[in-house]
PDB file of N, CA and C in Angstrom:
ATOM      1  N   MET A   1      13.887 -15.817  24.387  1.00  0.00           N
ATOM      2  CA  MET A   1      14.073 -14.810  23.370  1.00  0.00           C
ATOM      3  C   MET A   1      14.943 -13.693  23.937  1.00  0.00           C
ATOM      4  N   LYS A   2      15.779 -13.111  23.081  1.00  0.00           N
ATOM      5  CA  LYS A   2      16.653 -12.034  23.519  1.00  0.00           C
ATOM      6  C   LYS A   2      15.845 -10.800  23.899  1.00  0.00           C
ATOM      7  N   LYS A   3      16.320 -10.114  24.950  1.00  0.00           N
ATOM      8  CA  LYS A   3      15.684  -8.862  25.332  1.00  0.00           C
ATOM      9  C   LYS A   3      16.167  -7.768  24.390  1.00  0.00           C
ATOM     10  N   GLU A   4      15.303  -6.773  24.187  1.00  0.00           N
ATOM     11  CA  GLU A   4      15.589  -5.627  23.335  1.00  0.00           C
ATOM     12  C   GLU A   4      15.923  -6.032  21.899  1.00  0.00           C
ATOM     13  N   LEU A   5      15.288  -7.104  21.433  1.00  0.00           N
ATOM     14  CA  LEU A   5      15.498  -7.567  20.064  1.00  0.00           C
ATOM     15  C   LEU A   5      14.773  -6.663  19.074  1.00  0.00           C
ATOM     16  N   HIS A   6      13.580  -6.195  19.444  1.00  0.00           N
ATOM     17  CA  HIS A   6      12.791  -5.341  18.566  1.00  0.00           C
ATOM     18  C   HIS A   6      13.025  -3.868  18.912  1.00  0.00           C
ATOM     19  N   PRO A   7      12.871  -2.980  17.939  1.00  0.00           N
ATOM     20  CA  PRO A   7      13.073  -1.548  18.202  1.00  0.00           C
ATOM     21  C   PRO A   7      11.968  -0.959  19.064  1.00  0.00           C
ATOM     22  N   GLU A   8      12.181   0.266  19.530  1.00  0.00           N
ATOM     23  CA  GLU A   8      11.191   0.981  20.336  1.00  0.00           C
ATOM     24  C   GLU A   8       9.883   1.115  19.566  1.00  0.00           C
ATOM     25  N   GLY A   9       8.766   0.987  20.230  1.00  0.00           N
ATOM     26  CA  GLY A   9       7.465   1.178  19.609  1.00  0.00           C
ATOM     27  C   GLY A   9       6.975  -0.002  18.792  1.00  0.00           C
ATOM     28  N   TYR A  10       7.643  -1.142  18.869  1.00  0.00           N
ATOM     29  CA  TYR A  10       7.235  -2.328  18.121  1.00  0.00           C
ATOM     30  C   TYR A  10       5.978  -2.920  18.754  1.00  0.00           C
ATOM     31  N   ARG A  11       4.938  -3.107  17.927  1.00  0.00           N
ATOM     32  CA  ARG A  11       3.678  -3.681  18.409  1.00  0.00           C
ATOM     33  C   ARG A  11       2.930  -4.253  17.219  1.00  0.00           C
ATOM     34  N   HIS A  12       1.831  -4.946  17.465  1.00  0.00           N
ATOM     35  CA  HIS A  12       1.000  -5.471  16.384  1.00  0.00           C
ATOM     36  C   HIS A  12       0.164  -4.340  15.798  1.00  0.00           C
ATOM     37  N   VAL A  13       0.095  -4.280  14.466  1.00  0.00           N
ATOM     38  CA  VAL A  13      -0.650  -3.243  13.753  1.00  0.00           C
ATOM     39  C   VAL A  13      -1.495  -3.924  12.681  1.00  0.00           C
ATOM     40  N   ILE A  14      -2.721  -3.437  12.498  1.00  0.00           N
ATOM     41  CA  ILE A  14      -3.581  -3.927  11.422  1.00  0.00           C
ATOM     42  C   ILE A  14      -3.283  -3.095  10.177  1.00  0.00           C
ATOM     43  N   PHE A  15      -2.826  -3.755   9.107  1.00  0.00           N
ATOM     44  CA  PHE A  15      -2.634  -3.094   7.819  1.00  0.00           C
ATOM     45  C   PHE A  15      -3.860  -3.405   6.972  1.00  0.00           C
ATOM     46  N   GLU A  16      -4.555  -2.359   6.538  1.00  0.00           N
ATOM     47  CA  GLU A  16      -5.791  -2.524   5.792  1.00  0.00           C
ATOM     48  C   GLU A  16      -5.584  -2.055   4.355  1.00  0.00           C
ATOM     49  N   ASP A  17      -5.802  -2.970   3.397  1.00  0.00           N
ATOM     50  CA  ASP A  17      -5.721  -2.646   1.978  1.00  0.00           C
ATOM     51  C   ASP A  17      -7.035  -1.978   1.577  1.00  0.00           C
ATOM     52  N   VAL A  18      -6.988  -0.677   1.244  1.00  0.00           N
ATOM     53  CA  VAL A  18      -8.220   0.045   0.933  1.00  0.00           C
ATOM     54  C   VAL A  18      -8.789  -0.353  -0.427  1.00  0.00           C
ATOM     55  N   THR A  19      -7.974  -0.962  -1.294  1.00  0.00           N
ATOM     56  CA  THR A  19      -8.447  -1.394  -2.603  1.00  0.00           C
ATOM     57  C   THR A  19      -9.270  -2.667  -2.505  1.00  0.00           C
ATOM     58  N   SER A  20      -8.766  -3.644  -1.765  1.00  0.00           N
ATOM     59  CA  SER A  20      -9.452  -4.940  -1.680  1.00  0.00           C
ATOM     60  C   SER A  20     -10.237  -5.121  -0.390  1.00  0.00           C
ATOM     61  N   GLY A  21      -9.938  -4.331   0.636  1.00  0.00           N
ATOM     62  CA  GLY A  21     -10.608  -4.485   1.916  1.00  0.00           C
ATOM     63  C   GLY A  21      -9.982  -5.534   2.814  1.00  0.00           C
ATOM     64  N   LYS A  22      -8.943  -6.211   2.341  1.00  0.00           N
ATOM     65  CA  LYS A  22      -8.258  -7.247   3.123  1.00  0.00           C
ATOM     66  C   LYS A  22      -7.454  -6.602   4.238  1.00  0.00           C
ATOM     67  N   ARG A  23      -7.378  -7.268   5.386  1.00  0.00           N
ATOM     68  CA  ARG A  23      -6.648  -6.765   6.544  1.00  0.00           C
ATOM     69  C   ARG A  23      -5.642  -7.799   7.016  1.00  0.00           C
ATOM     70  N   PHE A  24      -4.468  -7.312   7.442  1.00  0.00           N
ATOM     71  CA  PHE A  24      -3.389  -8.163   7.933  1.00  0.00           C
ATOM     72  C   PHE A  24      -2.950  -7.654   9.293  1.00  0.00           C
ATOM     73  N   LEU A  25      -2.694  -8.551  10.225  1.00  0.00           N
ATOM     74  CA  LEU A  25      -2.164  -8.183  11.540  1.00  0.00           C
ATOM     75  C   LEU A  25      -0.685  -8.533  11.544  1.00  0.00           C
ATOM     76  N   ILE A  26       0.161  -7.487  11.605  1.00  0.00           N
ATOM     77  CA  ILE A  26       1.602  -7.660  11.464  1.00  0.00           C
ATOM     78  C   ILE A  26       2.300  -6.826  12.536  1.00  0.00           C
ATOM     79  N   GLY A  27       3.429  -7.281  13.002  1.00  0.00           N
ATOM     80  CA  GLY A  27       4.238  -6.502  13.927  1.00  0.00           C
ATOM     81  C   GLY A  27       4.930  -5.368  13.194  1.00  0.00           C
ATOM     82  N   SER A  28       4.880  -4.149  13.759  1.00  0.00           N
ATOM     83  CA  SER A  28       5.453  -2.989  13.086  1.00  0.00           C
ATOM     84  C   SER A  28       5.731  -1.871  14.084  1.00  0.00           C
ATOM     85  N   THR A  29       6.541  -0.896  13.662  1.00  0.00           N
ATOM     86  CA  THR A  29       6.806   0.301  14.462  1.00  0.00           C
ATOM     87  C   THR A  29       6.172   1.536  13.829  1.00  0.00           C
ATOM     88  N   ILE A  30       5.351   1.369  12.809  1.00  0.00           N
ATOM     89  CA  ILE A  30       4.757   2.488  12.087  1.00  0.00           C
ATOM     90  C   ILE A  30       3.833   3.299  12.994  1.00  0.00           C
ATOM     91  N   GLU A  31       3.859   4.621  12.828  1.00  0.00           N
ATOM     92  CA  GLU A  31       3.007   5.512  13.614  1.00  0.00           C
ATOM     93  C   GLU A  31       1.603   5.528  13.009  1.00  0.00           C
ATOM     94  N   THR A  32       0.578   5.395  13.844  1.00  0.00           N
ATOM     95  CA  THR A  32      -0.806   5.390  13.383  1.00  0.00           C
ATOM     96  C   THR A  32      -1.651   6.288  14.274  1.00  0.00           C
ATOM     97  N   GLU A  33      -2.816   6.667  13.746  1.00  0.00           N
ATOM     98  CA  GLU A  33      -3.735   7.491  14.524  1.00  0.00           C
ATOM     99  C   GLU A  33      -5.027   6.752  14.845  1.00  0.00           C
ATOM    100  N   LYS A  34      -5.424   5.823  13.964  1.00  0.00           N
ATOM    101  CA  LYS A  34      -6.690   5.114  14.147  1.00  0.00           C
ATOM    102  C   LYS A  34      -6.464   3.760  14.815  1.00  0.00           C
ATOM    103  N   THR A  35      -7.508   3.260  15.465  1.00  0.00           N
ATOM    104  CA  THR A  35      -7.490   1.915  16.045  1.00  0.00           C
ATOM    105  C   THR A  35      -8.774   1.204  15.651  1.00  0.00           C
ATOM    106  N   ASP A  36      -8.725  -0.129  15.705  1.00  0.00           N
ATOM    107  CA  ASP A  36      -9.903  -0.932  15.382  1.00  0.00           C
ATOM    108  C   ASP A  36      -9.742  -2.302  16.039  1.00  0.00           C
ATOM    109  N   LYS A  37     -10.847  -3.030  16.152  1.00  0.00           N
ATOM    110  CA  LYS A  37     -10.798  -4.365  16.748  1.00  0.00           C
ATOM    111  C   LYS A  37     -10.444  -5.399  15.696  1.00  0.00           C
ATOM    112  N   TRP A  38      -9.645  -6.371  16.093  1.00  0.00           N
ATOM    113  CA  TRP A  38      -9.237  -7.480  15.245  1.00  0.00           C
ATOM    114  C   TRP A  38     -10.131  -8.670  15.537  1.00  0.00           C
ATOM    115  N   GLU A  39      -9.956  -9.742  14.813  1.00  0.00           N
ATOM    116  CA  GLU A  39     -10.782 -10.950  14.957  1.00  0.00           C
ATOM    117  C   GLU A  39     -10.712 -11.559  16.353  1.00  0.00           C
ATOM    118  N   ASP A  40      -9.620 -11.316  17.082  1.00  0.00           N
ATOM    119  CA  ASP A  40      -9.479 -11.870  18.432  1.00  0.00           C
ATOM    120  C   ASP A  40     -10.179 -11.022  19.496  1.00  0.00           C
ATOM    121  N   GLY A  41     -10.799  -9.904  19.081  1.00  0.00           N
ATOM    122  CA  GLY A  41     -11.517  -9.048  20.010  1.00  0.00           C
ATOM    123  C   GLY A  41     -10.676  -7.942  20.621  1.00  0.00           C
ATOM    124  N   LYS A  42      -9.362  -7.982  20.407  1.00  0.00           N
ATOM    125  CA  LYS A  42      -8.482  -6.947  20.943  1.00  0.00           C
ATOM    126  C   LYS A  42      -8.427  -5.765  19.981  1.00  0.00           C
ATOM    127  N   GLU A  43      -8.114  -4.594  20.537  1.00  0.00           N
ATOM    128  CA  GLU A  43      -8.013  -3.387  19.728  1.00  0.00           C
ATOM    129  C   GLU A  43      -6.552  -3.124  19.372  1.00  0.00           C
ATOM    130  N   TYR A  44      -6.300  -2.842  18.080  1.00  0.00           N
ATOM    131  CA  TYR A  44      -4.962  -2.600  17.567  1.00  0.00           C
ATOM    132  C   TYR A  44      -4.948  -1.317  16.741  1.00  0.00           C
ATOM    133  N   PRO A  45      -3.769  -0.704  16.582  1.00  0.00           N
ATOM    134  CA  PRO A  45      -3.648   0.436  15.682  1.00  0.00           C
ATOM    135  C   PRO A  45      -3.886  -0.019  14.236  1.00  0.00           C
ATOM    136  N   VAL A  46      -4.434   0.872  13.391  1.00  0.00           N
ATOM    137  CA  VAL A  46      -4.733   0.551  11.998  1.00  0.00           C
ATOM    138  C   VAL A  46      -3.965   1.494  11.094  1.00  0.00           C
ATOM    139  N   TYR A  47      -3.353   0.929  10.037  1.00  0.00           N
ATOM    140  CA  TYR A  47      -2.676   1.717   9.009  1.00  0.00           C
ATOM    141  C   TYR A  47      -3.225   1.294   7.659  1.00  0.00           C
ATOM    142  N   GLN A  48      -3.694   2.263   6.862  1.00  0.00           N
ATOM    143  CA  GLN A  48      -4.287   1.944   5.570  1.00  0.00           C
ATOM    144  C   GLN A  48      -3.243   2.072   4.467  1.00  0.00           C
ATOM    145  N   VAL A  49      -3.215   1.068   3.586  1.00  0.00           N
ATOM    146  CA  VAL A  49      -2.316   1.062   2.435  1.00  0.00           C
ATOM    147  C   VAL A  49      -3.145   1.007   1.159  1.00  0.00           C
ATOM    148  N   GLU A  50      -2.609   1.578   0.075  1.00  0.00           N
ATOM    149  CA  GLU A  50      -3.331   1.588  -1.196  1.00  0.00           C
ATOM    150  C   GLU A  50      -3.247   0.257  -1.923  1.00  0.00           C
ATOM    151  N   ILE A  51      -2.142  -0.451  -1.739  1.00  0.00           N
ATOM    152  CA  ILE A  51      -1.954  -1.706  -2.466  1.00  0.00           C
ATOM    153  C   ILE A  51      -1.164  -2.680  -1.602  1.00  0.00           C
ATOM    154  N   SER A  52      -1.520  -3.941  -1.669  1.00  0.00           N
ATOM    155  CA  SER A  52      -0.826  -4.997  -0.930  1.00  0.00           C
ATOM    156  C   SER A  52      -0.849  -6.258  -1.790  1.00  0.00           C
ATOM    157  N   SER A  53      -0.410  -7.354  -1.239  1.00  0.00           N
ATOM    158  CA  SER A  53      -0.434  -8.610  -1.993  1.00  0.00           C
ATOM    159  C   SER A  53      -1.855  -9.049  -2.315  1.00  0.00           C
ATOM    160  N   ALA A  54      -2.838  -8.521  -1.586  1.00  0.00           N
ATOM    161  CA  ALA A  54      -4.237  -8.874  -1.844  1.00  0.00           C
ATOM    162  C   ALA A  54      -4.805  -8.151  -3.066  1.00  0.00           C
ATOM    163  N   SER A  55      -4.168  -7.044  -3.486  1.00  0.00           N
ATOM    164  CA  SER A  55      -4.698  -6.296  -4.622  1.00  0.00           C
ATOM    165  C   SER A  55      -3.678  -6.062  -5.738  1.00  0.00           C
ATOM    166  N   HIS A  56      -2.413  -6.420  -5.532  1.00  0.00           N
ATOM    167  CA  HIS A  56      -1.383  -6.191  -6.553  1.00  0.00           C
ATOM    168  C   HIS A  56      -1.559  -7.178  -7.703  1.00  0.00           C
ATOM    169  N   PRO A  57      -1.522  -6.698  -8.952  1.00  0.00           N
ATOM    170  CA  PRO A  57      -1.733  -7.573 -10.108  1.00  0.00           C
ATOM    171  C   PRO A  57      -0.756  -8.751 -10.186  1.00  0.00           C
ATOM    172  N   PHE A  58       0.467  -8.595  -9.714  1.00  0.00           N
ATOM    173  CA  PHE A  58       1.433  -9.692  -9.759  1.00  0.00           C
ATOM    174  C   PHE A  58       0.941 -10.885  -8.937  1.00  0.00           C
ATOM    175  N   TYR A  59       0.352 -10.624  -7.782  1.00  0.00           N
ATOM    176  CA  TYR A  59      -0.111 -11.693  -6.898  1.00  0.00           C
ATOM    177  C   TYR A  59      -1.511 -12.184  -7.229  1.00  0.00           C
ATOM    178  N   THR A  60      -2.359 -11.283  -7.729  1.00  0.00           N
ATOM    179  CA  THR A  60      -3.745 -11.669  -8.011  1.00  0.00           C
ATOM    180  C   THR A  60      -3.920 -12.233  -9.408  1.00  0.00           C
ATOM    181  N   GLY A  61      -3.016 -11.887 -10.339  1.00  0.00           N
ATOM    182  CA  GLY A  61      -3.140 -12.343 -11.718  1.00  0.00           C
ATOM    183  C   GLY A  61      -4.159 -11.546 -12.506  1.00  0.00           C
ATOM    184  N   GLN A  62      -4.697 -10.504 -11.922  1.00  0.00           N
ATOM    185  CA  GLN A  62      -5.675  -9.655 -12.592  1.00  0.00           C
ATOM    186  C   GLN A  62      -5.052  -8.289 -12.841  1.00  0.00           C
ATOM    187  N   SER A  63      -5.225  -7.805 -14.044  1.00  0.00           N
ATOM    188  CA  SER A  63      -4.673  -6.507 -14.406  1.00  0.00           C
ATOM    189  C   SER A  63      -5.731  -5.436 -14.220  1.00  0.00           C
ATOM    190  N   LYS A  64      -5.399  -4.418 -13.418  1.00  0.00           N
ATOM    191  CA  LYS A  64      -6.295  -3.280 -13.259  1.00  0.00           C
ATOM    192  C   LYS A  64      -5.463  -2.056 -12.911  1.00  0.00           C
ATOM    193  N   VAL A  65      -5.956  -0.902 -13.304  1.00  0.00           N
ATOM    194  CA  VAL A  65      -5.246   0.340 -13.050  1.00  0.00           C
ATOM    195  C   VAL A  65      -5.773   0.941 -11.753  1.00  0.00           C
ATOM    196  N   ILE A  66      -4.859   1.171 -10.828  1.00  0.00           N
ATOM    197  CA  ILE A  66      -5.206   1.807  -9.559  1.00  0.00           C
ATOM    198  C   ILE A  66      -4.435   3.113  -9.519  1.00  0.00           C
ATOM    199  N   ASP A  67      -5.119   4.207  -9.781  1.00  0.00           N
ATOM    200  CA  ASP A  67      -4.458   5.503  -9.855  1.00  0.00           C
ATOM    201  C   ASP A  67      -5.176   6.476  -8.937  1.00  0.00           C
ATOM    202  N   THR A  68      -4.641   6.655  -7.750  1.00  0.00           N
ATOM    203  CA  THR A  68      -5.293   7.528  -6.782  1.00  0.00           C
ATOM    204  C   THR A  68      -4.698   8.924  -6.772  1.00  0.00           C
ATOM    205  N   ALA A  69      -3.551   9.101  -7.406  1.00  0.00           N
ATOM    206  CA  ALA A  69      -2.901  10.411  -7.352  1.00  0.00           C
ATOM    207  C   ALA A  69      -2.622  10.986  -8.737  1.00  0.00           C
ATOM    208  N   GLY A  70      -3.221  10.434  -9.796  1.00  0.00           N
ATOM    209  CA  GLY A  70      -3.004  10.948 -11.140  1.00  0.00           C
ATOM    210  C   GLY A  70      -1.649  10.605 -11.717  1.00  0.00           C
ATOM    211  N   ARG A  71      -1.001   9.591 -11.190  1.00  0.00           N
ATOM    212  CA  ARG A  71       0.343   9.241 -11.628  1.00  0.00           C
ATOM    213  C   ARG A  71       0.376   8.733 -13.064  1.00  0.00           C
ATOM    214  N   VAL A  72      -0.658   8.007 -13.475  1.00  0.00           N
ATOM    215  CA  VAL A  72      -0.694   7.480 -14.839  1.00  0.00           C
ATOM    216  C   VAL A  72      -0.793   8.620 -15.842  1.00  0.00           C
ATOM    217  N   ASP A  73      -1.648   9.593 -15.575  1.00  0.00           N
ATOM    218  CA  ASP A  73      -1.787  10.734 -16.475  1.00  0.00           C
ATOM    219  C   ASP A  73      -0.496  11.544 -16.563  1.00  0.00           C
ATOM    220  N   LYS A  74       0.157  11.757 -15.436  1.00  0.00           N
ATOM    221  CA  LYS A  74       1.421  12.490 -15.433  1.00  0.00           C
ATOM    222  C   LYS A  74       2.465  11.760 -16.266  1.00  0.00           C
ATOM    223  N   PHE A  75       2.526  10.441 -16.147  1.00  0.00           N
ATOM    224  CA  PHE A  75       3.486   9.653 -16.906  1.00  0.00           C
ATOM    225  C   PHE A  75       3.207   9.746 -18.400  1.00  0.00           C
ATOM    226  N   LYS A  76       1.933   9.643 -18.786  1.00  0.00           N
ATOM    227  CA  LYS A  76       1.583   9.723 -20.206  1.00  0.00           C
ATOM    228  C   LYS A  76       1.939  11.082 -20.795  1.00  0.00           C
ATOM    229  N   LYS A  77       1.746  12.158 -20.039  1.00  0.00           N
ATOM    230  CA  LYS A  77       2.116  13.491 -20.513  1.00  0.00           C
ATOM    231  C   LYS A  77       3.625  13.608 -20.703  1.00  0.00           C
ATOM    232  N   ARG A  78       4.398  13.097 -19.733  1.00  0.00           N
ATOM    233  CA  ARG A  78       5.860  13.137 -19.856  1.00  0.00           C
ATOM    234  C   ARG A  78       6.330  12.313 -21.033  1.00  0.00           C
ATOM    235  N   LEU A  79       5.710  11.159 -21.235  1.00  0.00           N
ATOM    236  CA  LEU A  79       6.088  10.286 -22.339  1.00  0.00           C
ATOM    237  C   LEU A  79       5.797  10.946 -23.679  1.00  0.00           C
ATOM    238  N   ALA A  80       4.646  11.601 -23.785  1.00  0.00           N
ATOM    239  CA  ALA A  80       4.279  12.280 -25.027  1.00  0.00           C
ATOM    240  C   ALA A  80       5.235  13.447 -25.302  1.00  0.00           C
ATOM    241  N   ALA A  81       5.629  14.165 -24.280  1.00  0.00           N
ATOM    242  CA  ALA A  81       6.534  15.306 -24.449  1.00  0.00           C
ATOM    243  C   ALA A  81       7.936  14.846 -24.827  1.00  0.00           C
ATOM    244  N   ALA A  82       8.345  13.679 -24.368  1.00  0.00           N
ATOM    245  CA  ALA A  82       9.697  13.179 -24.631  1.00  0.00           C
ATOM    246  C   ALA A  82       9.802  12.426 -25.954  1.00  0.00           C
ATOM    247  N   ALA A  83       8.688  12.041 -26.524  1.00  0.00           N
ATOM    248  CA  ALA A  83       8.708  11.280 -27.780  1.00  0.00           C
ATOM    249  C   ALA A  83       9.229  12.146 -28.910  1.00  0.00           C
ATOM    250  N   PRO A  84      10.089  11.588 -29.765  1.00  0.00           N
ATOM    251  CA  PRO A  84      10.602  12.374 -30.908  1.00  0.00           C
ATOM    252  C   PRO A  84       9.473  12.694 -31.885  1.00  0.00           C
ATOM    253  N   LYS A  85       9.459  13.919 -32.371  1.00  0.00           N
ATOM    254  CA  LYS A  85       8.422  14.353 -33.292  1.00  0.00           C
ATOM    255  C   LYS A  85       8.787  13.953 -34.701  1.00  0.00           C
ATOM    256  N   LYS A  86       7.770  13.497 -35.450  1.00  0.00           N
ATOM    257  CA  LYS A  86       7.986  13.060 -36.828  1.00  0.00           C
ATOM    258  C   LYS A  86       8.062  14.283 -37.743  1.00  0.00           C
ATOM    259  N   THR A  87       8.995  14.260 -38.681  1.00  0.00           N
ATOM    260  CA  THR A  87       9.110  15.332 -39.648  1.00  0.00           C
ATOM    261  C   THR A  87       8.854  14.785 -41.042  1.00  0.00           C
ATOM    262  N   LYS A  88       8.238  15.617 -41.890  1.00  0.00           N
ATOM    263  CA  LYS A  88       7.958  15.208 -43.266  1.00  0.00           C
ATOM    264  C   LYS A  88       9.163  15.492 -44.140  1.00  0.00           C
ATOM    265  N   LYS A  89       9.404  14.636 -45.119  1.00  0.00           N
ATOM    266  CA  LYS A  89      10.515  14.839 -46.050  1.00  0.00           C
ATOM    267  C   LYS A  89      10.043  15.413 -47.341  1.00  0.00           C
TER     268      LYS A  89
END
């Protein structure tokens, strides 16, 4: 394998889907603060994600609303404000 193929700080990281609880061990350069043990008994950095292929409706075939930051409500308010108002004749 070529030397210096991967960027600085490249290592295995556990990505944890907080919605489904599924965990993936993937090579990454992402900065993390927490660590946890993986199935092999070794300790790896952990990064939590809100959505992954384990919880995304496209991959699971199940429709559900995951709104952790109020984004759906903000969108509905903008949509209502932008909608043309009906006038009586």
